[in-house]
Structures are given as structure tokens and as C-alpha cells.
Amino acid sequence: MNIKPLGDRVVIKMVEMEETTKSGIILTGAAKEKPQLAEVVAIGPGAVVDGKVVPMEVKVGDKVLMSKYAGTEVKFDGVEYTILKQGDILAIVE
């Protein structure tokens, strides 16, 4: 089974980044803020506006920055994903 988003929705997987304080202390998962960097796993066909399909600006494999509290978190086959609208993606990281 795969997740296939509808419309202009995007499925992303958060990229875990190890954070270290200035003093060298490594922060655990519970002490860190929610990451805003993610990898695109799947994309929908695009939004329909006035009867025309608006193409998606991101593609599978892109690293993106997203709004801090955007999307819906889901767990599928033991992996945590977030499903959000393309408009909640702020930038593509190159």
C-alpha cells in the first residue's frame, strides 16, 4: 500500500536533525522543537481552479521548509508522515 494524496496535498517525512547547544550538549527528541525541514514523499495531481488543474511546484525527493504547525500527522506502516497543502510549504531547499 502507498499513500496517494488528493488535490494539491503533499505527503512529507520529517528530516531528523541532531541539535547541539552552544555549550556542546546534544538535545534529545523531547527537548527539541518540531523540525521544519522535510522530504517530499508523494504529491497529488494539483488543485483544480476554474476547471483547470494547477500543476504542483514540488516533486518527490525535494527537501522543503514548511510552516511550523501545518498539516496532519499520520502513522502508516510504522512510519510517521505529515500530509499538508502545497500552500503550507514555504520553500524548496537546494
PDB file of N, CA and C in Angstrom:
ATOM      1  N   MET A   1       0.821  -1.189   0.000  1.00  0.00           N
ATOM      2  CA  MET A   1       0.000   0.000   0.000  1.00  0.00           C
ATOM      3  C   MET A   1       0.869   1.258   0.000  1.00  0.00           C
ATOM      4  N   ASN A   2       0.399   2.259  -0.692  1.00  0.00           N
ATOM      5  CA  ASN A   2       1.067   3.553  -0.725  1.00  0.00           C
ATOM      6  C   ASN A   2       0.078   4.641  -0.356  1.00  0.00           C
ATOM      7  N   ILE A   3       0.580   5.786   0.062  1.00  0.00           N
ATOM      8  CA  ILE A   3      -0.267   6.945   0.316  1.00  0.00           C
ATOM      9  C   ILE A   3      -0.277   7.782  -0.951  1.00  0.00           C
ATOM     10  N   LYS A   4      -1.467   8.056  -1.481  1.00  0.00           N
ATOM     11  CA  LYS A   4      -1.598   8.876  -2.684  1.00  0.00           C
ATOM     12  C   LYS A   4      -2.456  10.090  -2.317  1.00  0.00           C
ATOM     13  N   PRO A   5      -1.823  11.255  -2.154  1.00  0.00           N
ATOM     14  CA  PRO A   5      -2.583  12.444  -1.760  1.00  0.00           C
ATOM     15  C   PRO A   5      -3.480  12.956  -2.880  1.00  0.00           C
ATOM     16  N   LEU A   6      -4.562  13.631  -2.495  1.00  0.00           N
ATOM     17  CA  LEU A   6      -5.510  14.177  -3.450  1.00  0.00           C
ATOM     18  C   LEU A   6      -5.305  15.688  -3.594  1.00  0.00           C
ATOM     19  N   GLY A   7      -5.708  16.231  -4.732  1.00  0.00           N
ATOM     20  CA  GLY A   7      -5.644  17.674  -4.959  1.00  0.00           C
ATOM     21  C   GLY A   7      -4.232  18.210  -4.850  1.00  0.00           C
ATOM     22  N   ASP A   8      -4.091  19.333  -4.151  1.00  0.00           N
ATOM     23  CA  ASP A   8      -2.767  19.941  -4.022  1.00  0.00           C
ATOM     24  C   ASP A   8      -2.112  19.582  -2.689  1.00  0.00           C
ATOM     25  N   ARG A   9      -2.369  18.369  -2.214  1.00  0.00           N
ATOM     26  CA  ARG A   9      -1.764  17.921  -0.964  1.00  0.00           C
ATOM     27  C   ARG A   9      -0.435  17.218  -1.227  1.00  0.00           C
ATOM     28  N   VAL A  10       0.411  17.264  -0.216  1.00  0.00           N
ATOM     29  CA  VAL A  10       1.756  16.709  -0.297  1.00  0.00           C
ATOM     30  C   VAL A  10       1.981  15.849   0.941  1.00  0.00           C
ATOM     31  N   VAL A  11       2.610  14.689   0.762  1.00  0.00           N
ATOM     32  CA  VAL A  11       2.993  13.833   1.884  1.00  0.00           C
ATOM     33  C   VAL A  11       4.484  14.046   2.108  1.00  0.00           C
ATOM     34  N   ILE A  12       4.839  14.406   3.352  1.00  0.00           N
ATOM     35  CA  ILE A  12       6.246  14.651   3.666  1.00  0.00           C
ATOM     36  C   ILE A  12       6.670  13.795   4.849  1.00  0.00           C
ATOM     37  N   LYS A  13       7.972  13.577   4.937  1.00  0.00           N
ATOM     38  CA  LYS A  13       8.564  12.855   6.061  1.00  0.00           C
ATOM     39  C   LYS A  13       9.593  13.796   6.658  1.00  0.00           C
ATOM     40  N   MET A  14       9.465  14.035   7.954  1.00  0.00           N
ATOM     41  CA  MET A  14      10.375  14.960   8.622  1.00  0.00           C
ATOM     42  C   MET A  14      11.810  14.445   8.584  1.00  0.00           C
ATOM     43  N   VAL A  15      12.744  15.379   8.394  1.00  0.00           N
ATOM     44  CA  VAL A  15      14.158  15.055   8.398  1.00  0.00           C
ATOM     45  C   VAL A  15      14.670  15.307   9.809  1.00  0.00           C
ATOM     46  N   GLU A  16      15.168  14.267  10.449  1.00  0.00           N
ATOM     47  CA  GLU A  16      15.675  14.405  11.813  1.00  0.00           C
ATOM     48  C   GLU A  16      17.053  15.048  11.761  1.00  0.00           C
ATOM     49  N   MET A  17      17.185  16.113  12.532  1.00  0.00           N
ATOM     50  CA  MET A  17      18.460  16.817  12.598  1.00  0.00           C
ATOM     51  C   MET A  17      18.929  16.806  14.044  1.00  0.00           C
ATOM     52  N   GLU A  18      20.184  16.428  14.264  1.00  0.00           N
ATOM     53  CA  GLU A  18      20.724  16.428  15.618  1.00  0.00           C
ATOM     54  C   GLU A  18      21.065  17.862  15.983  1.00  0.00           C
ATOM     55  N   GLU A  19      20.574  18.297  17.115  1.00  0.00           N
ATOM     56  CA  GLU A  19      20.832  19.659  17.548  1.00  0.00           C
ATOM     57  C   GLU A  19      21.773  19.650  18.737  1.00  0.00           C
ATOM     58  N   THR A  20      22.726  20.550  18.694  1.00  0.00           N
ATOM     59  CA  THR A  20      23.674  20.701  19.774  1.00  0.00           C
ATOM     60  C   THR A  20      23.648  22.154  20.230  1.00  0.00           C
ATOM     61  N   THR A  21      23.631  22.373  21.527  1.00  0.00           N
ATOM     62  CA  THR A  21      23.651  23.733  22.056  1.00  0.00           C
ATOM     63  C   THR A  21      25.048  24.324  21.885  1.00  0.00           C
ATOM     64  N   LYS A  22      25.179  25.627  22.138  1.00  0.00           N
ATOM     65  CA  LYS A  22      26.487  26.282  22.024  1.00  0.00           C
ATOM     66  C   LYS A  22      27.514  25.686  22.979  1.00  0.00           C
ATOM     67  N   SER A  23      27.039  25.146  24.090  1.00  0.00           N
ATOM     68  CA  SER A  23      27.949  24.554  25.058  1.00  0.00           C
ATOM     69  C   SER A  23      28.282  23.095  24.750  1.00  0.00           C
ATOM     70  N   GLY A  24      27.705  22.551  23.656  1.00  0.00           N
ATOM     71  CA  GLY A  24      28.034  21.194  23.237  1.00  0.00           C
ATOM     72  C   GLY A  24      27.091  20.115  23.708  1.00  0.00           C
ATOM     73  N   ILE A  25      25.980  20.486  24.340  1.00  0.00           N
ATOM     74  CA  ILE A  25      25.014  19.494  24.822  1.00  0.00           C
ATOM     75  C   ILE A  25      24.120  19.078  23.656  1.00  0.00           C
ATOM     76  N   ILE A  26      24.000  17.773  23.437  1.00  0.00           N
ATOM     77  CA  ILE A  26      23.145  17.256  22.371  1.00  0.00           C
ATOM     78  C   ILE A  26      21.730  17.140  22.911  1.00  0.00           C
ATOM     79  N   LEU A  27      20.777  17.776  22.225  1.00  0.00           N
ATOM     80  CA  LEU A  27      19.385  17.761  22.670  1.00  0.00           C
ATOM     81  C   LEU A  27      18.694  16.483  22.220  1.00  0.00           C
ATOM     82  N   THR A  28      17.912  15.911  23.105  1.00  0.00           N
ATOM     83  CA  THR A  28      17.144  14.722  22.758  1.00  0.00           C
ATOM     84  C   THR A  28      15.890  15.130  21.999  1.00  0.00           C
ATOM     85  N   GLY A  29      15.171  14.156  21.456  1.00  0.00           N
ATOM     86  CA  GLY A  29      13.957  14.426  20.697  1.00  0.00           C
ATOM     87  C   GLY A  29      12.913  15.185  21.486  1.00  0.00           C
ATOM     88  N   ALA A  30      12.781  14.922  22.767  1.00  0.00           N
ATOM     89  CA  ALA A  30      11.766  15.585  23.585  1.00  0.00           C
ATOM     90  C   ALA A  30      12.109  17.053  23.850  1.00  0.00           C
ATOM     91  N   ALA A  31      13.379  17.395  23.814  1.00  0.00           N
ATOM     92  CA  ALA A  31      13.801  18.760  24.135  1.00  0.00           C
ATOM     93  C   ALA A  31      13.845  19.671  22.921  1.00  0.00           C
ATOM     94  N   LYS A  32      13.737  19.108  21.734  1.00  0.00           N
ATOM     95  CA  LYS A  32      13.844  19.900  20.509  1.00  0.00           C
ATOM     96  C   LYS A  32      12.491  20.418  20.061  1.00  0.00           C
ATOM     97  N   GLU A  33      12.525  21.496  19.264  1.00  0.00           N
ATOM     98  CA  GLU A  33      11.315  21.986  18.620  1.00  0.00           C
ATOM     99  C   GLU A  33      10.970  21.054  17.463  1.00  0.00           C
ATOM    100  N   LYS A  34       9.739  21.135  17.023  1.00  0.00           N
ATOM    101  CA  LYS A  34       9.306  20.352  15.868  1.00  0.00           C
ATOM    102  C   LYS A  34      10.120  20.797  14.651  1.00  0.00           C
ATOM    103  N   PRO A  35      10.734  19.864  13.911  1.00  0.00           N
ATOM    104  CA  PRO A  35      11.534  20.261  12.747  1.00  0.00           C
ATOM    105  C   PRO A  35      10.662  20.855  11.650  1.00  0.00           C
ATOM    106  N   GLN A  36      11.248  21.760  10.891  1.00  0.00           N
ATOM    107  CA  GLN A  36      10.530  22.375   9.787  1.00  0.00           C
ATOM    108  C   GLN A  36      11.096  21.932   8.443  1.00  0.00           C
ATOM    109  N   LEU A  37      12.117  21.086   8.459  1.00  0.00           N
ATOM    110  CA  LEU A  37      12.723  20.569   7.236  1.00  0.00           C
ATOM    111  C   LEU A  37      12.196  19.169   6.995  1.00  0.00           C
ATOM    112  N   ALA A  38      11.725  18.918   5.775  1.00  0.00           N
ATOM    113  CA  ALA A  38      11.142  17.615   5.457  1.00  0.00           C
ATOM    114  C   ALA A  38      11.464  17.228   4.025  1.00  0.00           C
ATOM    115  N   GLU A  39      11.276  15.941   3.723  1.00  0.00           N
ATOM    116  CA  GLU A  39      11.451  15.424   2.362  1.00  0.00           C
ATOM    117  C   GLU A  39      10.086  15.055   1.808  1.00  0.00           C
ATOM    118  N   VAL A  40       9.843  15.448   0.562  1.00  0.00           N
ATOM    119  CA  VAL A  40       8.578  15.135  -0.099  1.00  0.00           C
ATOM    120  C   VAL A  40       8.578  13.664  -0.491  1.00  0.00           C
ATOM    121  N   VAL A  41       7.535  12.939  -0.060  1.00  0.00           N
ATOM    122  CA  VAL A  41       7.423  11.505  -0.318  1.00  0.00           C
ATOM    123  C   VAL A  41       6.432  11.234  -1.453  1.00  0.00           C
ATOM    124  N   ALA A  42       5.346  12.021  -1.513  1.00  0.00           N
ATOM    125  CA  ALA A  42       4.328  11.856  -2.553  1.00  0.00           C
ATOM    126  C   ALA A  42       3.617  13.185  -2.760  1.00  0.00           C
ATOM    127  N   ILE A  43       3.115  13.392  -3.991  1.00  0.00           N
ATOM    128  CA  ILE A  43       2.371  14.616  -4.293  1.00  0.00           C
ATOM    129  C   ILE A  43       1.064  14.267  -5.001  1.00  0.00           C
ATOM    130  N   GLY A  44       0.087  15.134  -4.822  1.00  0.00           N
ATOM    131  CA  GLY A  44      -1.184  14.964  -5.508  1.00  0.00           C
ATOM    132  C   GLY A  44      -1.089  15.505  -6.925  1.00  0.00           C
ATOM    133  N   PRO A  45      -2.176  15.390  -7.701  1.00  0.00           N
ATOM    134  CA  PRO A  45      -2.165  15.829  -9.097  1.00  0.00           C
ATOM    135  C   PRO A  45      -2.199  17.351  -9.259  1.00  0.00           C
ATOM    136  N   GLY A  46      -2.563  18.076  -8.226  1.00  0.00           N
ATOM    137  CA  GLY A  46      -2.654  19.530  -8.295  1.00  0.00           C
ATOM    138  C   GLY A  46      -4.069  19.992  -8.022  1.00  0.00           C
ATOM    139  N   ALA A  47      -4.192  21.266  -7.672  1.00  0.00           N
ATOM    140  CA  ALA A  47      -5.505  21.830  -7.368  1.00  0.00           C
ATOM    141  C   ALA A  47      -6.253  22.134  -8.655  1.00  0.00           C
ATOM    142  N   VAL A  48      -7.583  22.117  -8.594  1.00  0.00           N
ATOM    143  CA  VAL A  48      -8.419  22.492  -9.730  1.00  0.00           C
ATOM    144  C   VAL A  48      -8.995  23.876  -9.435  1.00  0.00           C
ATOM    145  N   VAL A  49      -8.626  24.856 -10.271  1.00  0.00           N
ATOM    146  CA  VAL A  49      -9.102  26.223 -10.117  1.00  0.00           C
ATOM    147  C   VAL A  49      -9.767  26.638 -11.425  1.00  0.00           C
ATOM    148  N   ASP A  50     -11.045  27.017 -11.346  1.00  0.00           N
ATOM    149  CA  ASP A  50     -11.820  27.410 -12.531  1.00  0.00           C
ATOM    150  C   ASP A  50     -11.795  26.346 -13.614  1.00  0.00           C
ATOM    151  N   GLY A  51     -11.823  25.086 -13.193  1.00  0.00           N
ATOM    152  CA  GLY A  51     -11.867  23.983 -14.143  1.00  0.00           C
ATOM    153  C   GLY A  51     -10.521  23.584 -14.727  1.00  0.00           C
ATOM    154  N   LYS A  52      -9.439  24.249 -14.317  1.00  0.00           N
ATOM    155  CA  LYS A  52      -8.101  23.931 -14.828  1.00  0.00           C
ATOM    156  C   LYS A  52      -7.236  23.410 -13.692  1.00  0.00           C
ATOM    157  N   VAL A  53      -6.415  22.415 -13.998  1.00  0.00           N
ATOM    158  CA  VAL A  53      -5.517  21.849 -12.996  1.00  0.00           C
ATOM    159  C   VAL A  53      -4.280  22.738 -12.888  1.00  0.00           C
ATOM    160  N   VAL A  54      -4.007  23.197 -11.671  1.00  0.00           N
ATOM    161  CA  VAL A  54      -2.804  23.985 -11.392  1.00  0.00           C
ATOM    162  C   VAL A  54      -1.707  22.998 -11.018  1.00  0.00           C
ATOM    163  N   PRO A  55      -0.610  22.936 -11.792  1.00  0.00           N
ATOM    164  CA  PRO A  55       0.429  21.934 -11.531  1.00  0.00           C
ATOM    165  C   PRO A  55       1.145  22.168 -10.201  1.00  0.00           C
ATOM    166  N   MET A  56       1.704  21.101  -9.669  1.00  0.00           N
ATOM    167  CA  MET A  56       2.427  21.157  -8.406  1.00  0.00           C
ATOM    168  C   MET A  56       3.816  21.762  -8.639  1.00  0.00           C
ATOM    169  N   GLU A  57       4.292  22.533  -7.656  1.00  0.00           N
ATOM    170  CA  GLU A  57       5.606  23.160  -7.757  1.00  0.00           C
ATOM    171  C   GLU A  57       6.703  22.316  -7.126  1.00  0.00           C
ATOM    172  N   VAL A  58       6.323  21.334  -6.310  1.00  0.00           N
ATOM    173  CA  VAL A  58       7.310  20.457  -5.688  1.00  0.00           C
ATOM    174  C   VAL A  58       7.243  19.090  -6.339  1.00  0.00           C
ATOM    175  N   LYS A  59       8.316  18.328  -6.172  1.00  0.00           N
ATOM    176  CA  LYS A  59       8.343  16.971  -6.720  1.00  0.00           C
ATOM    177  C   LYS A  59       8.863  16.023  -5.642  1.00  0.00           C
ATOM    178  N   VAL A  60       8.635  14.758  -5.836  1.00  0.00           N
ATOM    179  CA  VAL A  60       9.085  13.744  -4.885  1.00  0.00           C
ATOM    180  C   VAL A  60      10.606  13.825  -4.767  1.00  0.00           C
ATOM    181  N   GLY A  61      11.088  13.804  -3.538  1.00  0.00           N
ATOM    182  CA  GLY A  61      12.526  13.877  -3.274  1.00  0.00           C
ATOM    183  C   GLY A  61      13.007  15.267  -2.893  1.00  0.00           C
ATOM    184  N   ASP A  62      12.202  16.308  -3.143  1.00  0.00           N
ATOM    185  CA  ASP A  62      12.582  17.667  -2.760  1.00  0.00           C
ATOM    186  C   ASP A  62      12.673  17.777  -1.244  1.00  0.00           C
ATOM    187  N   LYS A  63      13.643  18.538  -0.770  1.00  0.00           N
ATOM    188  CA  LYS A  63      13.718  18.919   0.640  1.00  0.00           C
ATOM    189  C   LYS A  63      13.014  20.264   0.746  1.00  0.00           C
ATOM    190  N   VAL A  64      12.092  20.398   1.688  1.00  0.00           N
ATOM    191  CA  VAL A  64      11.285  21.607   1.798  1.00  0.00           C
ATOM    192  C   VAL A  64      11.248  22.119   3.228  1.00  0.00           C
ATOM    193  N   LEU A  65      10.990  23.425   3.340  1.00  0.00           N
ATOM    194  CA  LEU A  65      10.715  24.053   4.623  1.00  0.00           C
ATOM    195  C   LEU A  65       9.223  24.279   4.688  1.00  0.00           C
ATOM    196  N   MET A  66       8.619  23.953   5.814  1.00  0.00           N
ATOM    197  CA  MET A  66       7.169  24.057   5.941  1.00  0.00           C
ATOM    198  C   MET A  66       6.800  24.952   7.110  1.00  0.00           C
ATOM    199  N   SER A  67       5.551  25.400   7.122  1.00  0.00           N
ATOM    200  CA  SER A  67       5.037  26.169   8.252  1.00  0.00           C
ATOM    201  C   SER A  67       5.127  25.314   9.511  1.00  0.00           C
ATOM    202  N   LYS A  68       5.368  25.955  10.635  1.00  0.00           N
ATOM    203  CA  LYS A  68       5.652  25.259  11.881  1.00  0.00           C
ATOM    204  C   LYS A  68       4.557  24.281  12.324  1.00  0.00           C
ATOM    205  N   TYR A  69       3.295  24.681  12.259  1.00  0.00           N
ATOM    206  CA  TYR A  69       2.226  23.820  12.759  1.00  0.00           C
ATOM    207  C   TYR A  69       1.290  23.361  11.646  1.00  0.00           C
ATOM    208  N   ALA A  70       1.790  23.247  10.442  1.00  0.00           N
ATOM    209  CA  ALA A  70       0.969  22.882   9.288  1.00  0.00           C
ATOM    210  C   ALA A  70       0.768  21.373   9.196  1.00  0.00           C
ATOM    211  N   GLY A  71      -0.322  21.000   8.558  1.00  0.00           N
ATOM    212  CA  GLY A  71      -0.552  19.612   8.195  1.00  0.00           C
ATOM    213  C   GLY A  71      -1.153  18.733   9.271  1.00  0.00           C
ATOM    214  N   THR A  72      -1.386  17.504   8.862  1.00  0.00           N
ATOM    215  CA  THR A  72      -1.946  16.472   9.727  1.00  0.00           C
ATOM    216  C   THR A  72      -0.942  15.338   9.808  1.00  0.00           C
ATOM    217  N   GLU A  73      -0.564  14.983  11.023  1.00  0.00           N
ATOM    218  CA  GLU A  73       0.395  13.898  11.207  1.00  0.00           C
ATOM    219  C   GLU A  73      -0.326  12.561  11.166  1.00  0.00           C
ATOM    220  N   VAL A  74       0.232  11.610  10.406  1.00  0.00           N
ATOM    221  CA  VAL A  74      -0.330  10.266  10.307  1.00  0.00           C
ATOM    222  C   VAL A  74       0.793   9.249  10.455  1.00  0.00           C
ATOM    223  N   LYS A  75       0.427   8.069  10.948  1.00  0.00           N
ATOM    224  CA  LYS A  75       1.388   6.980  11.053  1.00  0.00           C
ATOM    225  C   LYS A  75       0.929   5.886  10.105  1.00  0.00           C
ATOM    226  N   PHE A  76       1.799   5.485   9.173  1.00  0.00           N
ATOM    227  CA  PHE A  76       1.455   4.499   8.155  1.00  0.00           C
ATOM    228  C   PHE A  76       2.588   3.501   8.051  1.00  0.00           C
ATOM    229  N   ASP A  77       2.294   2.229   8.232  1.00  0.00           N
ATOM    230  CA  ASP A  77       3.300   1.152   8.222  1.00  0.00           C
ATOM    231  C   ASP A  77       4.450   1.440   9.190  1.00  0.00           C
ATOM    232  N   GLY A  78       4.133   2.026  10.346  1.00  0.00           N
ATOM    233  CA  GLY A  78       5.136   2.288  11.368  1.00  0.00           C
ATOM    234  C   GLY A  78       5.986   3.522  11.134  1.00  0.00           C
ATOM    235  N   VAL A  79       5.709   4.288  10.087  1.00  0.00           N
ATOM    236  CA  VAL A  79       6.478   5.495   9.774  1.00  0.00           C
ATOM    237  C   VAL A  79       5.562   6.700   9.924  1.00  0.00           C
ATOM    238  N   GLU A  80       6.082   7.776  10.517  1.00  0.00           N
ATOM    239  CA  GLU A  80       5.287   8.984  10.697  1.00  0.00           C
ATOM    240  C   GLU A  80       5.455   9.931   9.505  1.00  0.00           C
ATOM    241  N   TYR A  81       4.324  10.351   8.955  1.00  0.00           N
ATOM    242  CA  TYR A  81       4.295  11.285   7.834  1.00  0.00           C
ATOM    243  C   TYR A  81       3.419  12.475   8.216  1.00  0.00           C
ATOM    244  N   THR A  82       3.532  13.547   7.437  1.00  0.00           N
ATOM    245  CA  THR A  82       2.640  14.690   7.572  1.00  0.00           C
ATOM    246  C   THR A  82       2.028  14.950   6.209  1.00  0.00           C
ATOM    247  N   ILE A  83       0.711  15.148   6.175  1.00  0.00           N
ATOM    248  CA  ILE A  83       0.019  15.485   4.937  1.00  0.00           C
ATOM    249  C   ILE A  83      -0.408  16.944   5.047  1.00  0.00           C
ATOM    250  N   LEU A  84       0.005  17.758   4.082  1.00  0.00           N
ATOM    251  CA  LEU A  84      -0.323  19.169   4.112  1.00  0.00           C
ATOM    252  C   LEU A  84      -0.593  19.690   2.717  1.00  0.00           C
ATOM    253  N   LYS A  85      -1.196  20.865   2.629  1.00  0.00           N
ATOM    254  CA  LYS A  85      -1.441  21.502   1.342  1.00  0.00           C
ATOM    255  C   LYS A  85      -0.150  22.130   0.844  1.00  0.00           C
ATOM    256  N   GLN A  86      -0.002  22.211  -0.460  1.00  0.00           N
ATOM    257  CA  GLN A  86       1.194  22.787  -1.049  1.00  0.00           C
ATOM    258  C   GLN A  86       1.430  24.217  -0.555  1.00  0.00           C
ATOM    259  N   GLY A  87       0.361  24.950  -0.267  1.00  0.00           N
ATOM    260  CA  GLY A  87       0.486  26.317   0.214  1.00  0.00           C
ATOM    261  C   GLY A  87       1.158  26.450   1.570  1.00  0.00           C
ATOM    262  N   ASP A  88       1.233  25.344   2.332  1.00  0.00           N
ATOM    263  CA  ASP A  88       1.900  25.365   3.622  1.00  0.00           C
ATOM    264  C   ASP A  88       3.406  25.142   3.507  1.00  0.00           C
ATOM    265  N   ILE A  89       3.866  24.873   2.280  1.00  0.00           N
ATOM    266  CA  ILE A  89       5.302  24.721   2.046  1.00  0.00           C
ATOM    267  C   ILE A  89       5.853  26.110   1.743  1.00  0.00           C
ATOM    268  N   LEU A  90       6.876  26.507   2.495  1.00  0.00           N
ATOM    269  CA  LEU A  90       7.432  27.847   2.385  1.00  0.00           C
ATOM    270  C   LEU A  90       8.534  27.957   1.338  1.00  0.00           C
ATOM    271  N   ALA A  91       9.355  26.901   1.196  1.00  0.00           N
ATOM    272  CA  ALA A  91      10.488  26.979   0.270  1.00  0.00           C
ATOM    273  C   ALA A  91      11.022  25.588  -0.022  1.00  0.00           C
ATOM    274  N   ILE A  92      11.711  25.483  -1.149  1.00  0.00           N
ATOM    275  CA  ILE A  92      12.451  24.263  -1.501  1.00  0.00           C
ATOM    276  C   ILE A  92      13.907  24.513  -1.172  1.00  0.00           C
ATOM    277  N   VAL A  93      14.527  23.587  -0.455  1.00  0.00           N
ATOM    278  CA  VAL A  93      15.933  23.718  -0.073  1.00  0.00           C
ATOM    279  C   VAL A  93      16.785  23.050  -1.144  1.00  0.00           C
ATOM    280  N   GLU A  94      17.675  23.817  -1.730  1.00  0.00           N
ATOM    281  CA  GLU A  94      18.539  23.268  -2.806  1.00  0.00           C
ATOM    282  C   GLU A  94      19.943  23.060  -2.334  1.00  0.00           C
TER     283      GLU A  94
END
